[in-house]
Amino acid sequence: MRLAGLFTRPHEGEQDAPAQEEEPARAETPAPPEPEAPREASVIAFANQKGGVAKTTSTLNLAVALSEAGHRILIVDMDPQGNLTMSQGLNPDQITRSMFDVLVHRLPIEQVIHEAEVDLAVSSIDLAGAELALSSMIGRERALEKALGPVKGRYDFILVDTPPSLGLLTINALVAAEGVIVPVQCEYLSLRGLVQLENTLSMIRENLNPDVEIQGILPTMFDGRTLHSREAIEILQENFGELVFKTRIKKTVRYAEAPVKGSSVLKYDPSGNAAAAYRELAKEVLNGAKARKHA
């Protein structure tokens, strides 16, 4: 590179050219931030084909605990028995429009949502006929997923209570969900049902929803005084490790008393041990959600 001439004096008679004032640098206008994608609710299904394992109790009380923590919650009653609906003081026999109409007649889900402790999409006995009505429909496994689409932006969590079976209603819930919480009674026979649920989830991942996974296994009806309950926890931890929630839902009459009053146990006995257990579960669920977000 030639440097000659860069620093030579001007010839005689020549005047140095007046220095030109530099224009002030223009401040660059920062590019507008890209708009964030609208947040959609995390859909969690509560599933176990065995009845009496506290699916409905856990759906409602976890929902209320998450609501207490400042989150927008919708609970969906997919069980024809309507226990979740009754747990909020509503009579399924007097409901004219329910999840049956949403799944079978494509009624917008907003029209079956009732305001209670949290928003509740209600069930009725008509839902017992939904599996038969859906069986001949194209896309029958995705009816709930499509129904939830328009309202997912309004909530942070949507919790779905399912019937005690692995039929079409439960499959709809698993297809719509990204996570599954499995309440498991602390006894040996209840643990065996997990194998069948895992097989069902494997088929759903392969054919319908590759993203669904077990979010956690929730030990329920735990009685620390009995060897059988403690052994059941050990078996769960040996087989599922960190998938087992640290929270233990212990036996107490409070869980039976609260639905009679049409409320969650957090409203019925807010300072009791039963309410505290579901608040602890809510913390575990929220911490798990943060871990997945930053993974």
C-alpha atoms as a PDB file:
ATOM      1  CA  MET A   1       0.000   0.000   0.000  1.00  0.00           C
ATOM      2  CA  ARG A   2       1.520   3.390  -1.068  1.00  0.00           C
ATOM      3  CA  LEU A   3       1.782   6.049   1.641  1.00  0.00           C
ATOM      4  CA  ALA A   4       3.636   8.768  -0.409  1.00  0.00           C
ATOM      5  CA  GLY A   5       1.743  12.031  -0.766  1.00  0.00           C
ATOM      6  CA  LEU A   6      -0.528  11.493   2.105  1.00  0.00           C
ATOM      7  CA  PHE A   7       1.396  13.953   4.297  1.00  0.00           C
ATOM      8  CA  THR A   8       2.995  16.364   1.643  1.00  0.00           C
ATOM      9  CA  ARG A   9       2.768  20.139   2.088  1.00  0.00           C
ATOM     10  CA  PRO A  10       0.551  22.132  -0.280  1.00  0.00           C
ATOM     11  CA  HIS A  11       2.336  23.851  -3.224  1.00  0.00           C
ATOM     12  CA  GLU A  12       3.244  27.555  -2.976  1.00  0.00           C
ATOM     13  CA  GLY A  13       0.298  29.815  -3.599  1.00  0.00           C
ATOM     14  CA  GLU A  14      -2.051  27.188  -2.619  1.00  0.00           C
ATOM     15  CA  GLN A  15      -4.113  27.767   0.392  1.00  0.00           C
ATOM     16  CA  ASP A  16      -5.095  25.065   2.661  1.00  0.00           C
ATOM     17  CA  ALA A  17      -8.637  24.190   1.896  1.00  0.00           C
ATOM     18  CA  PRO A  18     -10.894  25.364   4.659  1.00  0.00           C
ATOM     19  CA  ALA A  19     -11.791  22.555   6.890  1.00  0.00           C
ATOM     20  CA  GLN A  20     -15.279  21.382   6.284  1.00  0.00           C
ATOM     21  CA  GLU A  21     -17.438  21.074   9.272  1.00  0.00           C
ATOM     22  CA  GLU A  22     -18.431  17.510   9.846  1.00  0.00           C
ATOM     23  CA  GLU A  23     -22.106  16.870   9.872  1.00  0.00           C
ATOM     24  CA  PRO A  24     -23.292  15.600  13.211  1.00  0.00           C
ATOM     25  CA  ALA A  25     -23.728  11.893  13.107  1.00  0.00           C
ATOM     26  CA  ARG A  26     -27.328  10.901  12.817  1.00  0.00           C
ATOM     27  CA  ALA A  27     -28.589   8.759  15.587  1.00  0.00           C
ATOM     28  CA  GLU A  28     -29.680   5.478  14.176  1.00  0.00           C
ATOM     29  CA  THR A  29     -33.292   4.696  14.873  1.00  0.00           C
ATOM     30  CA  PRO A  30     -33.368   1.360  16.682  1.00  0.00           C
ATOM     31  CA  ALA A  31     -35.346  -1.299  14.919  1.00  0.00           C
ATOM     32  CA  PRO A  32     -38.670  -1.904  16.608  1.00  0.00           C
ATOM     33  CA  PRO A  33     -38.634  -5.065  18.718  1.00  0.00           C
ATOM     34  CA  GLU A  34     -40.218  -8.040  17.116  1.00  0.00           C
ATOM     35  CA  PRO A  35     -43.663  -8.636  18.565  1.00  0.00           C
ATOM     36  CA  GLU A  36     -43.738 -11.553  20.942  1.00  0.00           C
ATOM     37  CA  ALA A  37     -45.822 -14.509  19.901  1.00  0.00           C
ATOM     38  CA  PRO A  38     -49.040 -14.549  21.894  1.00  0.00           C
ATOM     39  CA  ARG A  39     -48.723 -16.815  24.905  1.00  0.00           C
ATOM     40  CA  GLU A  40     -50.949 -19.831  24.878  1.00  0.00           C
ATOM     41  CA  ALA A  41     -52.131 -21.864  27.809  1.00  0.00           C
ATOM     42  CA  SER A  42     -50.295 -24.955  28.910  1.00  0.00           C
ATOM     43  CA  VAL A  43     -52.799 -27.820  28.693  1.00  0.00           C
ATOM     44  CA  ILE A  44     -52.466 -30.498  31.383  1.00  0.00           C
ATOM     45  CA  ALA A  45     -54.615 -33.635  31.451  1.00  0.00           C
ATOM     46  CA  PHE A  46     -55.243 -35.612  34.622  1.00  0.00           C
ATOM     47  CA  ALA A  47     -55.483 -39.264  33.629  1.00  0.00           C
ATOM     48  CA  ASN A  48     -55.609 -42.697  35.185  1.00  0.00           C
ATOM     49  CA  GLN A  49     -57.942 -45.443  34.006  1.00  0.00           C
ATOM     50  CA  LYS A  50     -58.405 -46.532  37.603  1.00  0.00           C
ATOM     51  CA  GLY A  51     -61.224 -44.741  39.406  1.00  0.00           C
ATOM     52  CA  GLY A  52     -61.076 -43.303  42.896  1.00  0.00           C
ATOM     53  CA  VAL A  53     -57.489 -42.031  42.726  1.00  0.00           C
ATOM     54  CA  ALA A  54     -58.327 -38.321  43.299  1.00  0.00           C
ATOM     55  CA  LYS A  55     -58.208 -37.120  39.687  1.00  0.00           C
ATOM     56  CA  THR A  56     -61.087 -34.682  40.168  1.00  0.00           C
ATOM     57  CA  THR A  57     -59.865 -33.563  43.595  1.00  0.00           C
ATOM     58  CA  SER A  58     -56.407 -32.892  42.169  1.00  0.00           C
ATOM     59  CA  THR A  59     -57.691 -31.106  39.055  1.00  0.00           C
ATOM     60  CA  LEU A  60     -59.788 -28.652  41.057  1.00  0.00           C
ATOM     61  CA  ASN A  61     -57.416 -28.000  43.933  1.00  0.00           C
ATOM     62  CA  LEU A  62     -54.315 -27.608  41.786  1.00  0.00           C
ATOM     63  CA  ALA A  63     -56.300 -25.202  39.581  1.00  0.00           C
ATOM     64  CA  VAL A  64     -57.309 -23.065  42.563  1.00  0.00           C
ATOM     65  CA  ALA A  65     -53.754 -23.126  43.938  1.00  0.00           C
ATOM     66  CA  LEU A  66     -52.421 -21.918  40.570  1.00  0.00           C
ATOM     67  CA  SER A  67     -55.100 -19.233  40.531  1.00  0.00           C
ATOM     68  CA  GLU A  68     -54.016 -18.095  44.000  1.00  0.00           C
ATOM     69  CA  ALA A  69     -50.510 -17.714  42.543  1.00  0.00           C
ATOM     70  CA  GLY A  70     -51.872 -15.230  39.994  1.00  0.00           C
ATOM     71  CA  HIS A  71     -52.448 -17.428  36.955  1.00  0.00           C
ATOM     72  CA  ARG A  72     -55.498 -17.503  34.677  1.00  0.00           C
ATOM     73  CA  ILE A  73     -57.040 -20.948  34.841  1.00  0.00           C
ATOM     74  CA  LEU A  74     -59.663 -22.952  32.954  1.00  0.00           C
ATOM     75  CA  ILE A  75     -60.733 -26.406  34.106  1.00  0.00           C
ATOM     76  CA  VAL A  76     -62.533 -28.750  31.707  1.00  0.00           C
ATOM     77  CA  ASP A  77     -64.822 -31.540  32.909  1.00  0.00           C
ATOM     78  CA  MET A  78     -64.533 -34.420  30.435  1.00  0.00           C
ATOM     79  CA  ASP A  79     -66.092 -36.999  32.780  1.00  0.00           C
ATOM     80  CA  PRO A  80     -69.781 -37.889  32.166  1.00  0.00           C
ATOM     81  CA  GLN A  81     -70.160 -38.337  35.930  1.00  0.00           C
ATOM     82  CA  GLY A  82     -69.693 -34.578  36.237  1.00  0.00           C
ATOM     83  CA  ASN A  83     -67.865 -34.717  39.565  1.00  0.00           C
ATOM     84  CA  LEU A  84     -65.719 -31.688  38.748  1.00  0.00           C
ATOM     85  CA  THR A  85     -68.837 -29.736  37.814  1.00  0.00           C
ATOM     86  CA  MET A  86     -70.567 -30.780  41.048  1.00  0.00           C
ATOM     87  CA  SER A  87     -67.465 -29.876  43.056  1.00  0.00           C
ATOM     88  CA  GLN A  88     -68.127 -26.253  42.139  1.00  0.00           C
ATOM     89  CA  GLY A  89     -71.756 -26.346  43.239  1.00  0.00           C
ATOM     90  CA  LEU A  90     -73.349 -26.927  39.822  1.00  0.00           C
ATOM     91  CA  ASN A  91     -75.893 -29.665  39.095  1.00  0.00           C
ATOM     92  CA  PRO A  92     -74.988 -31.599  35.910  1.00  0.00           C
ATOM     93  CA  ASP A  93     -78.625 -32.714  35.565  1.00  0.00           C
ATOM     94  CA  GLN A  94     -79.748 -29.088  35.159  1.00  0.00           C
ATOM     95  CA  ILE A  95     -77.103 -28.071  32.622  1.00  0.00           C
ATOM     96  CA  THR A  96     -78.513 -27.609  29.118  1.00  0.00           C
ATOM     97  CA  ARG A  97     -75.247 -27.091  27.220  1.00  0.00           C
ATOM     98  CA  SER A  98     -72.074 -28.926  28.149  1.00  0.00           C
ATOM     99  CA  MET A  99     -68.868 -30.392  26.774  1.00  0.00           C
ATOM    100  CA  PHE A 100     -71.028 -32.892  24.869  1.00  0.00           C
ATOM    101  CA  ASP A 101     -72.267 -30.034  22.665  1.00  0.00           C
ATOM    102  CA  VAL A 102     -68.738 -28.713  22.276  1.00  0.00           C
ATOM    103  CA  LEU A 103     -67.286 -32.051  21.165  1.00  0.00           C
ATOM    104  CA  VAL A 104     -70.177 -33.383  19.086  1.00  0.00           C
ATOM    105  CA  HIS A 105     -72.012 -30.294  17.810  1.00  0.00           C
ATOM    106  CA  ARG A 106     -68.963 -27.986  17.605  1.00  0.00           C
ATOM    107  CA  LEU A 107     -70.532 -25.462  19.979  1.00  0.00           C
ATOM    108  CA  PRO A 108     -67.933 -22.798  20.908  1.00  0.00           C
ATOM    109  CA  ILE A 109     -66.474 -23.757  24.272  1.00  0.00           C
ATOM    110  CA  GLU A 110     -67.039 -20.215  25.572  1.00  0.00           C
ATOM    111  CA  GLN A 111     -70.750 -21.050  25.732  1.00  0.00           C
ATOM    112  CA  VAL A 112     -70.265 -23.814  28.323  1.00  0.00           C
ATOM    113  CA  ILE A 113     -67.774 -21.994  30.549  1.00  0.00           C
ATOM    114  CA  HIS A 114     -69.157 -21.014  33.954  1.00  0.00           C
ATOM    115  CA  GLU A 115     -67.479 -18.649  36.400  1.00  0.00           C
ATOM    116  CA  ALA A 116     -66.681 -20.341  39.703  1.00  0.00           C
ATOM    117  CA  GLU A 117     -63.521 -20.330  41.823  1.00  0.00           C
ATOM    118  CA  VAL A 118     -61.857 -20.697  38.423  1.00  0.00           C
ATOM    119  CA  ASP A 119     -63.450 -20.833  34.972  1.00  0.00           C
ATOM    120  CA  LEU A 120     -65.121 -24.210  34.416  1.00  0.00           C
ATOM    121  CA  ALA A 121     -66.227 -25.860  31.158  1.00  0.00           C
ATOM    122  CA  VAL A 122     -69.053 -28.029  32.485  1.00  0.00           C
ATOM    123  CA  SER A 123     -70.076 -31.638  31.959  1.00  0.00           C
ATOM    124  CA  SER A 124     -73.496 -33.262  31.905  1.00  0.00           C
ATOM    125  CA  ILE A 125     -74.798 -36.820  31.688  1.00  0.00           C
ATOM    126  CA  ASP A 126     -75.120 -36.296  27.915  1.00  0.00           C
ATOM    127  CA  LEU A 127     -71.353 -36.651  27.733  1.00  0.00           C
ATOM    128  CA  ALA A 128     -71.831 -40.390  28.261  1.00  0.00           C
ATOM    129  CA  GLY A 129     -73.028 -40.548  24.651  1.00  0.00           C
ATOM    130  CA  ALA A 130     -70.130 -38.554  23.272  1.00  0.00           C
ATOM    131  CA  GLU A 131     -67.876 -41.528  22.551  1.00  0.00           C
ATOM    132  CA  LEU A 132     -70.540 -43.193  20.422  1.00  0.00           C
ATOM    133  CA  ALA A 133     -71.391 -39.936  18.656  1.00  0.00           C
ATOM    134  CA  LEU A 134     -67.733 -39.145  17.996  1.00  0.00           C
ATOM    135  CA  SER A 135     -66.832 -42.639  16.787  1.00  0.00           C
ATOM    136  CA  SER A 136     -68.140 -42.021  13.267  1.00  0.00           C
ATOM    137  CA  MET A 137     -66.688 -38.506  12.930  1.00  0.00           C
ATOM    138  CA  ILE A 138     -63.533 -37.631  11.010  1.00  0.00           C
ATOM    139  CA  GLY A 139     -60.873 -36.227  13.335  1.00  0.00           C
ATOM    140  CA  ARG A 140     -62.716 -37.532  16.366  1.00  0.00           C
ATOM    141  CA  GLU A 141     -59.537 -37.662  18.463  1.00  0.00           C
ATOM    142  CA  ARG A 142     -58.904 -33.940  17.929  1.00  0.00           C
ATOM    143  CA  ALA A 143     -62.326 -32.558  18.885  1.00  0.00           C
ATOM    144  CA  LEU A 144     -61.134 -31.143  22.219  1.00  0.00           C
ATOM    145  CA  GLU A 145     -57.897 -29.808  20.761  1.00  0.00           C
ATOM    146  CA  LYS A 146     -59.866 -27.820  18.157  1.00  0.00           C
ATOM    147  CA  ALA A 147     -62.377 -26.608  20.742  1.00  0.00           C
ATOM    148  CA  LEU A 148     -59.642 -25.230  23.010  1.00  0.00           C
ATOM    149  CA  GLY A 149     -57.860 -23.374  20.206  1.00  0.00           C
ATOM    150  CA  PRO A 150     -59.892 -20.124  20.360  1.00  0.00           C
ATOM    151  CA  VAL A 151     -59.532 -19.727  24.152  1.00  0.00           C
ATOM    152  CA  LYS A 152     -55.928 -20.832  24.739  1.00  0.00           C
ATOM    153  CA  GLY A 153     -54.720 -17.251  24.583  1.00  0.00           C
ATOM    154  CA  ARG A 154     -56.944 -16.246  27.497  1.00  0.00           C
ATOM    155  CA  TYR A 155     -55.444 -18.607  30.056  1.00  0.00           C
ATOM    156  CA  ASP A 156     -52.093 -19.630  31.481  1.00  0.00           C
ATOM    157  CA  PHE A 157     -53.163 -23.186  32.310  1.00  0.00           C
ATOM    158  CA  ILE A 158     -56.016 -25.402  31.137  1.00  0.00           C
ATOM    159  CA  LEU A 159     -56.517 -28.472  33.334  1.00  0.00           C
ATOM    160  CA  VAL A 160     -58.616 -31.348  31.981  1.00  0.00           C
ATOM    161  CA  ASP A 161     -60.316 -33.918  34.200  1.00  0.00           C
ATOM    162  CA  THR A 162     -60.869 -37.257  32.441  1.00  0.00           C
ATOM    163  CA  PRO A 163     -63.084 -40.291  33.065  1.00  0.00           C
ATOM    164  CA  PRO A 164     -61.662 -43.479  34.644  1.00  0.00           C
ATOM    165  CA  SER A 165     -61.019 -45.181  31.304  1.00  0.00           C
ATOM    166  CA  LEU A 166     -58.756 -44.942  28.276  1.00  0.00           C
ATOM    167  CA  GLY A 167     -61.634 -44.384  25.866  1.00  0.00           C
ATOM    168  CA  LEU A 168     -62.185 -41.642  23.304  1.00  0.00           C
ATOM    169  CA  LEU A 169     -62.828 -38.884  25.854  1.00  0.00           C
ATOM    170  CA  THR A 170     -59.518 -39.528  27.601  1.00  0.00           C
ATOM    171  CA  ILE A 171     -57.729 -39.843  24.254  1.00  0.00           C
ATOM    172  CA  ASN A 172     -59.133 -36.424  23.268  1.00  0.00           C
ATOM    173  CA  ALA A 173     -57.641 -34.982  26.440  1.00  0.00           C
ATOM    174  CA  LEU A 174     -54.245 -36.592  25.816  1.00  0.00           C
ATOM    175  CA  VAL A 175     -54.165 -35.359  22.216  1.00  0.00           C
ATOM    176  CA  ALA A 176     -54.966 -31.801  23.338  1.00  0.00           C
ATOM    177  CA  ALA A 177     -52.440 -31.828  26.196  1.00  0.00           C
ATOM    178  CA  GLU A 178     -48.714 -31.267  26.368  1.00  0.00           C
ATOM    179  CA  GLY A 179     -48.418 -32.716  29.838  1.00  0.00           C
ATOM    180  CA  VAL A 180     -50.156 -35.461  31.803  1.00  0.00           C
ATOM    181  CA  ILE A 181     -50.378 -35.621  35.582  1.00  0.00           C
ATOM    182  CA  VAL A 182     -51.136 -39.124  36.812  1.00  0.00           C
ATOM    183  CA  PRO A 183     -52.684 -39.325  40.280  1.00  0.00           C
ATOM    184  CA  VAL A 184     -51.808 -42.732  41.727  1.00  0.00           C
ATOM    185  CA  GLN A 185     -53.259 -44.193  44.892  1.00  0.00           C
ATOM    186  CA  CYS A 186     -50.509 -45.495  47.133  1.00  0.00           C
ATOM    187  CA  GLU A 187     -51.293 -49.173  46.761  1.00  0.00           C
ATOM    188  CA  TYR A 188     -49.832 -51.914  44.593  1.00  0.00           C
ATOM    189  CA  LEU A 189     -52.830 -52.578  42.311  1.00  0.00           C
ATOM    190  CA  SER A 190     -53.064 -48.895  41.433  1.00  0.00           C
ATOM    191  CA  LEU A 191     -49.428 -48.875  40.305  1.00  0.00           C
ATOM    192  CA  ARG A 192     -50.045 -51.604  37.733  1.00  0.00           C
ATOM    193  CA  GLY A 193     -52.393 -49.344  35.779  1.00  0.00           C
ATOM    194  CA  LEU A 194     -49.503 -47.038  34.941  1.00  0.00           C
ATOM    195  CA  VAL A 195     -48.171 -49.574  32.437  1.00  0.00           C
ATOM    196  CA  GLN A 196     -51.378 -49.471  30.394  1.00  0.00           C
ATOM    197  CA  LEU A 197     -51.436 -45.673  30.478  1.00  0.00           C
ATOM    198  CA  GLU A 198     -47.838 -45.530  29.284  1.00  0.00           C
ATOM    199  CA  ASN A 199     -48.693 -47.835  26.376  1.00  0.00           C
ATOM    200  CA  THR A 200     -51.609 -45.578  25.415  1.00  0.00           C
ATOM    201  CA  LEU A 201     -49.376 -42.499  25.571  1.00  0.00           C
ATOM    202  CA  SER A 202     -46.812 -44.204  23.340  1.00  0.00           C
ATOM    203  CA  MET A 203     -49.463 -44.833  20.686  1.00  0.00           C
ATOM    204  CA  ILE A 204     -50.701 -41.243  20.925  1.00  0.00           C
ATOM    205  CA  ARG A 205     -47.148 -39.880  20.568  1.00  0.00           C
ATOM    206  CA  GLU A 206     -46.593 -42.070  17.527  1.00  0.00           C
ATOM    207  CA  ASN A 207     -49.839 -41.220  15.747  1.00  0.00           C
ATOM    208  CA  LEU A 208     -51.501 -38.079  17.087  1.00  0.00           C
ATOM    209  CA  ASN A 209     -49.481 -35.897  19.450  1.00  0.00           C
ATOM    210  CA  PRO A 210     -45.703 -36.337  19.476  1.00  0.00           C
ATOM    211  CA  ASP A 211     -45.244 -33.738  22.232  1.00  0.00           C
ATOM    212  CA  VAL A 212     -47.389 -35.207  25.013  1.00  0.00           C
ATOM    213  CA  GLU A 213     -45.467 -36.567  27.974  1.00  0.00           C
ATOM    214  CA  ILE A 214     -46.015 -37.491  31.584  1.00  0.00           C
ATOM    215  CA  GLN A 215     -45.421 -34.280  33.512  1.00  0.00           C
ATOM    216  CA  GLY A 216     -45.553 -35.943  36.874  1.00  0.00           C
ATOM    217  CA  ILE A 217     -46.903 -38.808  38.946  1.00  0.00           C
ATOM    218  CA  LEU A 218     -48.836 -37.664  41.998  1.00  0.00           C
ATOM    219  CA  PRO A 219     -49.040 -40.044  44.978  1.00  0.00           C
ATOM    220  CA  THR A 220     -52.508 -39.736  46.523  1.00  0.00           C
ATOM    221  CA  MET A 221     -54.282 -41.174  49.564  1.00  0.00           C
ATOM    222  CA  PHE A 222     -50.898 -41.526  51.199  1.00  0.00           C
ATOM    223  CA  ASP A 223     -50.826 -42.798  54.761  1.00  0.00           C
ATOM    224  CA  GLY A 224     -47.303 -42.602  56.149  1.00  0.00           C
ATOM    225  CA  ARG A 225     -48.263 -44.803  59.091  1.00  0.00           C
ATOM    226  CA  THR A 226     -48.647 -47.884  56.886  1.00  0.00           C
ATOM    227  CA  LEU A 227     -45.813 -49.897  55.424  1.00  0.00           C
ATOM    228  CA  HIS A 228     -47.884 -50.502  52.273  1.00  0.00           C
ATOM    229  CA  SER A 229     -48.068 -46.773  51.444  1.00  0.00           C
ATOM    230  CA  ARG A 230     -44.351 -46.300  52.019  1.00  0.00           C
ATOM    231  CA  GLU A 231     -43.508 -49.315  49.842  1.00  0.00           C
ATOM    232  CA  ALA A 232     -45.759 -47.976  47.076  1.00  0.00           C
ATOM    233  CA  ILE A 233     -43.798 -44.710  47.077  1.00  0.00           C
ATOM    234  CA  GLU A 234     -40.534 -46.653  46.870  1.00  0.00           C
ATOM    235  CA  ILE A 235     -41.804 -48.661  43.880  1.00  0.00           C
ATOM    236  CA  LEU A 236     -42.871 -45.458  42.118  1.00  0.00           C
ATOM    237  CA  GLN A 237     -39.506 -43.824  42.694  1.00  0.00           C
ATOM    238  CA  GLU A 238     -37.575 -46.910  41.580  1.00  0.00           C
ATOM    239  CA  ASN A 239     -39.520 -47.042  38.307  1.00  0.00           C
ATOM    240  CA  PHE A 240     -40.149 -43.369  37.527  1.00  0.00           C
ATOM    241  CA  GLY A 241     -37.474 -41.451  39.430  1.00  0.00           C
ATOM    242  CA  GLU A 242     -37.837 -37.680  39.219  1.00  0.00           C
ATOM    243  CA  LEU A 243     -41.235 -37.953  37.523  1.00  0.00           C
ATOM    244  CA  VAL A 244     -42.722 -38.621  40.964  1.00  0.00           C
ATOM    245  CA  PHE A 245     -43.800 -35.368  42.589  1.00  0.00           C
ATOM    246  CA  LYS A 246     -42.348 -34.714  46.032  1.00  0.00           C
ATOM    247  CA  THR A 247     -45.805 -33.647  47.221  1.00  0.00           C
ATOM    248  CA  ARG A 248     -47.827 -36.408  48.879  1.00  0.00           C
ATOM    249  CA  ILE A 249     -51.601 -36.047  48.994  1.00  0.00           C
ATOM    250  CA  LYS A 250     -52.518 -37.571  52.330  1.00  0.00           C
ATOM    251  CA  LYS A 251     -55.802 -39.124  53.350  1.00  0.00           C
ATOM    252  CA  THR A 252     -58.137 -36.655  55.046  1.00  0.00           C
ATOM    253  CA  VAL A 253     -61.886 -36.187  55.321  1.00  0.00           C
ATOM    254  CA  ARG A 254     -61.482 -32.590  54.133  1.00  0.00           C
ATOM    255  CA  TYR A 255     -61.321 -33.749  50.503  1.00  0.00           C
ATOM    256  CA  ALA A 256     -64.754 -35.363  50.890  1.00  0.00           C
ATOM    257  CA  GLU A 257     -66.287 -32.465  52.814  1.00  0.00           C
ATOM    258  CA  ALA A 258     -65.280 -29.648  50.461  1.00  0.00           C
ATOM    259  CA  PRO A 259     -67.295 -30.788  47.370  1.00  0.00           C
ATOM    260  CA  VAL A 260     -70.446 -31.017  49.514  1.00  0.00           C
ATOM    261  CA  LYS A 261     -70.061 -27.263  50.038  1.00  0.00           C
ATOM    262  CA  GLY A 262     -69.383 -26.766  46.303  1.00  0.00           C
ATOM    263  CA  SER A 263     -65.844 -25.582  46.852  1.00  0.00           C
ATOM    264  CA  SER A 264     -62.214 -26.526  46.664  1.00  0.00           C
ATOM    265  CA  VAL A 265     -60.413 -27.563  49.817  1.00  0.00           C
ATOM    266  CA  LEU A 266     -58.390 -24.340  49.564  1.00  0.00           C
ATOM    267  CA  LYS A 267     -61.569 -22.324  50.011  1.00  0.00           C
ATOM    268  CA  TYR A 268     -63.196 -24.729  52.470  1.00  0.00           C
ATOM    269  CA  ASP A 269     -60.208 -25.045  54.792  1.00  0.00           C
ATOM    270  CA  PRO A 270     -57.615 -22.552  53.550  1.00  0.00           C
ATOM    271  CA  SER A 271     -55.171 -22.948  56.434  1.00  0.00           C
ATOM    272  CA  GLY A 272     -55.351 -26.753  56.675  1.00  0.00           C
ATOM    273  CA  ASN A 273     -52.780 -29.349  55.655  1.00  0.00           C
ATOM    274  CA  ALA A 274     -54.895 -30.460  52.679  1.00  0.00           C
ATOM    275  CA  ALA A 275     -54.829 -26.984  51.148  1.00  0.00           C
ATOM    276  CA  ALA A 276     -51.101 -26.654  51.893  1.00  0.00           C
ATOM    277  CA  ALA A 277     -50.389 -29.871  49.974  1.00  0.00           C
ATOM    278  CA  TYR A 278     -51.910 -28.529  46.752  1.00  0.00           C
ATOM    279  CA  ARG A 279     -50.109 -25.219  47.141  1.00  0.00           C
ATOM    280  CA  GLU A 280     -46.867 -27.198  47.303  1.00  0.00           C
ATOM    281  CA  LEU A 281     -47.923 -29.159  44.222  1.00  0.00           C
ATOM    282  CA  ALA A 282     -48.595 -25.880  42.389  1.00  0.00           C
ATOM    283  CA  LYS A 283     -45.026 -24.765  43.149  1.00  0.00           C
ATOM    284  CA  GLU A 284     -43.672 -28.025  41.715  1.00  0.00           C
ATOM    285  CA  VAL A 285     -45.780 -27.662  38.563  1.00  0.00           C
ATOM    286  CA  LEU A 286     -44.700 -24.043  38.073  1.00  0.00           C
ATOM    287  CA  ASN A 287     -41.032 -24.867  38.650  1.00  0.00           C
ATOM    288  CA  GLY A 288     -41.309 -27.678  36.108  1.00  0.00           C
ATOM    289  CA  ALA A 289     -42.876 -25.305  33.586  1.00  0.00           C
ATOM    290  CA  LYS A 290     -39.985 -22.808  34.049  1.00  0.00           C
ATOM    291  CA  ALA A 291     -37.419 -25.593  33.650  1.00  0.00           C
ATOM    292  CA  ARG A 292     -38.964 -26.688  30.340  1.00  0.00           C
ATOM    293  CA  LYS A 293     -39.123 -23.085  29.107  1.00  0.00           C
ATOM    294  CA  HIS A 294     -35.392 -22.535  29.668  1.00  0.00           C
ATOM    295  CA  ALA A 295     -34.252 -25.990  28.615  1.00  0.00           C
END
